[in-house]
N, C-alpha and C. Protein backbone atom coordinates (compact mmCIF):
# COMPACT_ATOMS: atom_id res chain seq x y z
N VAL A 1 -78.81 97.99 73.61
CA VAL A 1 -77.81 97.21 73.43
C VAL A 1 -78.22 96.53 71.82
N PRO A 2 -77.64 96.25 70.77
CA PRO A 2 -78.41 95.28 69.82
C PRO A 2 -78.29 93.87 70.00
N GLY A 3 -79.52 93.21 70.05
CA GLY A 3 -79.61 91.85 70.38
C GLY A 3 -80.25 91.36 71.26
N ILE A 4 -80.16 92.49 72.54
CA ILE A 4 -80.80 92.21 73.75
C ILE A 4 -81.98 92.17 74.15
N THR A 5 -82.81 91.58 74.70
CA THR A 5 -83.76 91.67 75.17
C THR A 5 -84.22 92.07 76.31
N THR A 6 -85.27 92.79 76.86
CA THR A 6 -85.17 93.10 78.23
C THR A 6 -86.78 93.27 78.68
N HIS A 7 -87.16 92.86 79.51
CA HIS A 7 -88.88 92.40 80.09
C HIS A 7 -89.25 93.90 81.07
N LEU A 8 -90.19 93.86 80.87
CA LEU A 8 -90.73 94.97 81.98
C LEU A 8 -92.26 94.40 82.27
N ALA A 9 -92.22 94.40 83.89
CA ALA A 9 -93.53 94.14 84.14
C ALA A 9 -94.46 95.55 84.95
N PHE A 10 -95.67 95.12 84.83
CA PHE A 10 -96.72 96.22 85.04
C PHE A 10 -97.76 95.38 85.90
N THR A 11 -98.30 96.33 87.28
CA THR A 11 -99.11 96.02 87.71
C THR A 11 -100.44 96.79 87.51
N PRO A 12 -101.36 96.60 86.80
CA PRO A 12 -102.31 97.10 86.69
C PRO A 12 -103.46 97.41 87.81
N ASN A 13 -103.69 99.04 87.93
CA ASN A 13 -104.56 99.37 88.84
C ASN A 13 -105.57 100.17 88.30
N LYS A 14 -105.65 100.56 86.96
CA LYS A 14 -106.50 101.45 86.69
C LYS A 14 -106.62 101.27 84.95
N VAL A 15 -107.61 101.30 84.59
CA VAL A 15 -108.26 101.27 82.81
C VAL A 15 -107.68 102.24 82.53
N GLY A 16 -106.87 102.08 81.14
CA GLY A 16 -106.50 103.49 80.32
C GLY A 16 -105.49 102.91 79.30
N THR A 17 -104.82 103.86 78.67
CA THR A 17 -103.47 103.64 77.66
C THR A 17 -102.48 104.08 78.45
N TRP A 18 -101.23 103.26 78.45
CA TRP A 18 -100.13 104.37 79.17
C TRP A 18 -99.11 104.20 78.01
N TYR A 19 -98.28 105.26 77.97
CA TYR A 19 -96.82 105.38 77.16
C TYR A 19 -95.68 105.12 77.99
N VAL A 20 -95.04 104.26 77.59
CA VAL A 20 -93.81 103.83 78.20
C VAL A 20 -92.78 104.40 77.60
N ILE A 21 -91.70 105.03 78.34
CA ILE A 21 -90.73 105.55 77.32
C ILE A 21 -89.20 104.76 77.78
N CYS A 22 -88.46 104.45 77.18
CA CYS A 22 -87.07 103.48 77.94
C CYS A 22 -86.66 104.69 79.12
N ASN A 23 -86.53 104.03 80.46
CA ASN A 23 -85.71 104.86 81.57
C ASN A 23 -84.28 103.99 81.55
N GLU A 24 -84.01 103.05 80.79
CA GLU A 24 -82.34 102.50 81.21
C GLU A 24 -81.67 103.35 80.15
N LEU A 25 -80.32 103.48 80.60
CA LEU A 25 -79.53 104.19 79.93
C LEU A 25 -78.57 103.03 79.12
N CYS A 26 -79.13 102.96 77.84
CA CYS A 26 -78.82 101.34 77.31
C CYS A 26 -78.09 101.83 75.85
N GLY A 27 -78.00 103.15 75.43
CA GLY A 27 -77.34 103.79 74.15
C GLY A 27 -78.03 105.47 73.84
N ALA A 28 -77.38 105.57 72.64
CA ALA A 28 -78.14 106.85 72.41
C ALA A 28 -79.51 107.06 72.05
N GLY A 29 -80.10 105.84 71.48
CA GLY A 29 -81.36 105.98 70.91
C GLY A 29 -82.39 105.48 71.84
N HIS A 30 -82.17 105.15 73.29
CA HIS A 30 -82.77 104.67 74.04
C HIS A 30 -83.91 105.33 74.48
N SER A 31 -84.13 106.81 74.19
CA SER A 31 -85.29 107.64 74.37
C SER A 31 -86.48 107.48 73.27
N LEU A 32 -85.70 106.64 72.31
CA LEU A 32 -87.01 106.17 71.38
C LEU A 32 -87.59 104.91 71.02
N MET A 33 -87.38 104.25 72.42
CA MET A 33 -87.92 103.36 72.77
C MET A 33 -88.79 103.09 73.41
N ARG A 34 -90.01 103.23 72.92
CA ARG A 34 -91.27 103.47 73.53
C ARG A 34 -92.05 102.13 73.13
N ALA A 35 -93.13 102.25 74.04
CA ALA A 35 -94.74 101.21 74.25
C ALA A 35 -95.18 101.42 74.62
N ARG A 36 -96.41 100.64 74.21
CA ARG A 36 -97.61 101.42 75.02
C ARG A 36 -98.39 100.19 75.72
N VAL A 37 -99.01 100.37 76.85
CA VAL A 37 -99.75 99.82 77.81
C VAL A 37 -100.96 99.84 77.99
N ILE A 38 -101.81 98.66 77.91
CA ILE A 38 -103.48 99.33 77.64
C ILE A 38 -103.98 98.05 78.62
N VAL A 39 -104.59 98.65 79.40
CA VAL A 39 -105.22 98.01 80.66
C VAL A 39 -106.89 97.96 80.28
N GLN A 40 -107.33 96.72 80.23
CA GLN A 40 -108.75 97.09 79.96
C GLN A 40 -109.56 96.19 81.28
N THR A 41 -110.67 96.38 81.16
CA THR A 41 -111.80 95.72 82.32
C THR A 41 -111.55 94.12 81.71
N PRO A 42 -111.79 93.09 82.67
CA PRO A 42 -112.33 91.66 81.87
C PRO A 42 -112.98 91.42 80.59
N ALA A 43 -113.84 92.19 81.00
CA ALA A 43 -114.84 92.22 79.57
C ALA A 43 -114.29 92.51 78.37
N GLN A 44 -113.98 93.95 78.37
CA GLN A 44 -113.40 94.51 77.26
C GLN A 44 -112.24 93.59 76.68
N TYR A 45 -111.48 92.93 77.40
CA TYR A 45 -110.16 91.90 77.12
C TYR A 45 -110.57 90.69 76.11
N ALA A 46 -111.65 90.40 76.82
CA ALA A 46 -112.73 89.45 76.27
C ALA A 46 -113.27 89.81 74.68
N ALA A 47 -113.36 90.90 74.72
CA ALA A 47 -113.97 91.64 73.30
C ALA A 47 -113.09 91.28 72.51
N TRP A 48 -111.80 91.73 73.15
CA TRP A 48 -110.72 92.10 71.90
C TRP A 48 -110.61 90.67 71.45
N ALA A 49 -110.11 89.77 72.73
CA ALA A 49 -109.66 88.54 72.46
C ALA A 49 -110.64 87.75 71.44
N ALA A 50 -111.68 87.87 71.23
CA ALA A 50 -112.55 87.24 70.58
C ALA A 50 -112.22 87.53 68.86
N GLN A 51 -112.44 89.52 68.84
CA GLN A 51 -112.00 89.87 67.68
C GLN A 51 -110.73 89.43 67.01
N ALA A 52 -109.59 89.19 67.96
CA ALA A 52 -108.47 88.88 67.34
C ALA A 52 -108.44 87.57 66.81
N ALA A 53 -109.36 86.50 67.72
CA ALA A 53 -109.25 85.23 67.33
C ALA A 53 -109.91 85.14 65.82
N ALA A 54 -110.81 85.98 65.64
CA ALA A 54 -111.84 85.91 64.49
C ALA A 54 -110.69 86.09 63.22
N GLN A 55 -109.89 87.31 63.76
CA GLN A 55 -109.06 88.00 62.59
C GLN A 55 -108.13 87.14 61.85
N VAL A 56 -107.66 86.02 63.12
CA VAL A 56 -106.60 85.26 62.74
C VAL A 56 -107.35 83.76 61.96
N LYS A 57 -108.42 83.63 62.30
CA LYS A 57 -109.13 82.58 61.54
C LYS A 57 -109.42 83.22 60.30
N THR A 58 -109.85 84.27 60.11
CA THR A 58 -109.85 84.95 58.65
C THR A 58 -108.87 84.82 57.55
N ALA A 59 -107.45 85.25 58.63
CA ALA A 59 -106.29 85.57 57.81
C ALA A 59 -105.73 84.11 57.23
N VAL A 60 -106.01 83.38 58.36
CA VAL A 60 -105.51 81.64 58.14
C VAL A 60 -106.01 80.97 57.11
N ALA A 61 -107.44 81.55 57.03
CA ALA A 61 -107.98 80.96 56.13
C ALA A 61 -107.91 81.39 54.04
N THR A 62 -107.65 82.88 54.28
CA THR A 62 -107.25 83.62 53.37
C THR A 62 -106.07 83.00 52.37
N VAL A 63 -104.85 82.86 53.54
CA VAL A 63 -103.48 82.12 52.99
C VAL A 63 -103.79 80.94 53.08
N GLY A 64 -104.67 79.98 53.24
CA GLY A 64 -104.97 78.63 52.61
C GLY A 64 -105.53 78.62 51.77
N ASN A 65 -106.10 79.45 51.08
CA ASN A 65 -106.93 79.14 49.58
C ASN A 65 -105.74 79.84 48.77
N THR A 66 -104.74 80.56 48.93
CA THR A 66 -103.67 81.21 48.13
C THR A 66 -102.48 80.41 47.93
N ILE A 67 -102.42 79.40 49.03
CA ILE A 67 -101.42 78.36 48.65
C ILE A 67 -101.62 77.33 47.89
N PRO A 68 -100.58 77.63 46.26
CA PRO A 68 -100.91 76.18 45.61
C PRO A 68 -100.40 74.86 46.06
N THR A 69 -101.63 74.16 45.48
CA THR A 69 -101.00 72.97 45.86
C THR A 69 -100.32 72.15 44.65
N SER A 70 -99.59 70.85 45.14
CA SER A 70 -98.61 70.36 44.05
C SER A 70 -99.71 69.31 43.20
N THR A 71 -99.56 68.90 42.03
CA THR A 71 -100.50 68.13 41.02
C THR A 71 -99.75 66.63 41.29
N HIS A 72 -98.57 66.81 41.67
CA HIS A 72 -97.91 65.03 41.76
C HIS A 72 -98.32 64.53 43.04
């Protein structure tokens, strides 16, 4: 349904990557609505989060250097 937001909750009990296909009858393209759930150990998640934070910091610094500043 255009404009609708739905939520799906998971209770992880096994490390791995899991692929999800829409199981609701929400329209002709519902079988094309796919998602991926990645279940990690706490240590794996912490490493991923640290790497993502470093990437964000680099991106922000890069964008900050390309924004023109006013001379007025």
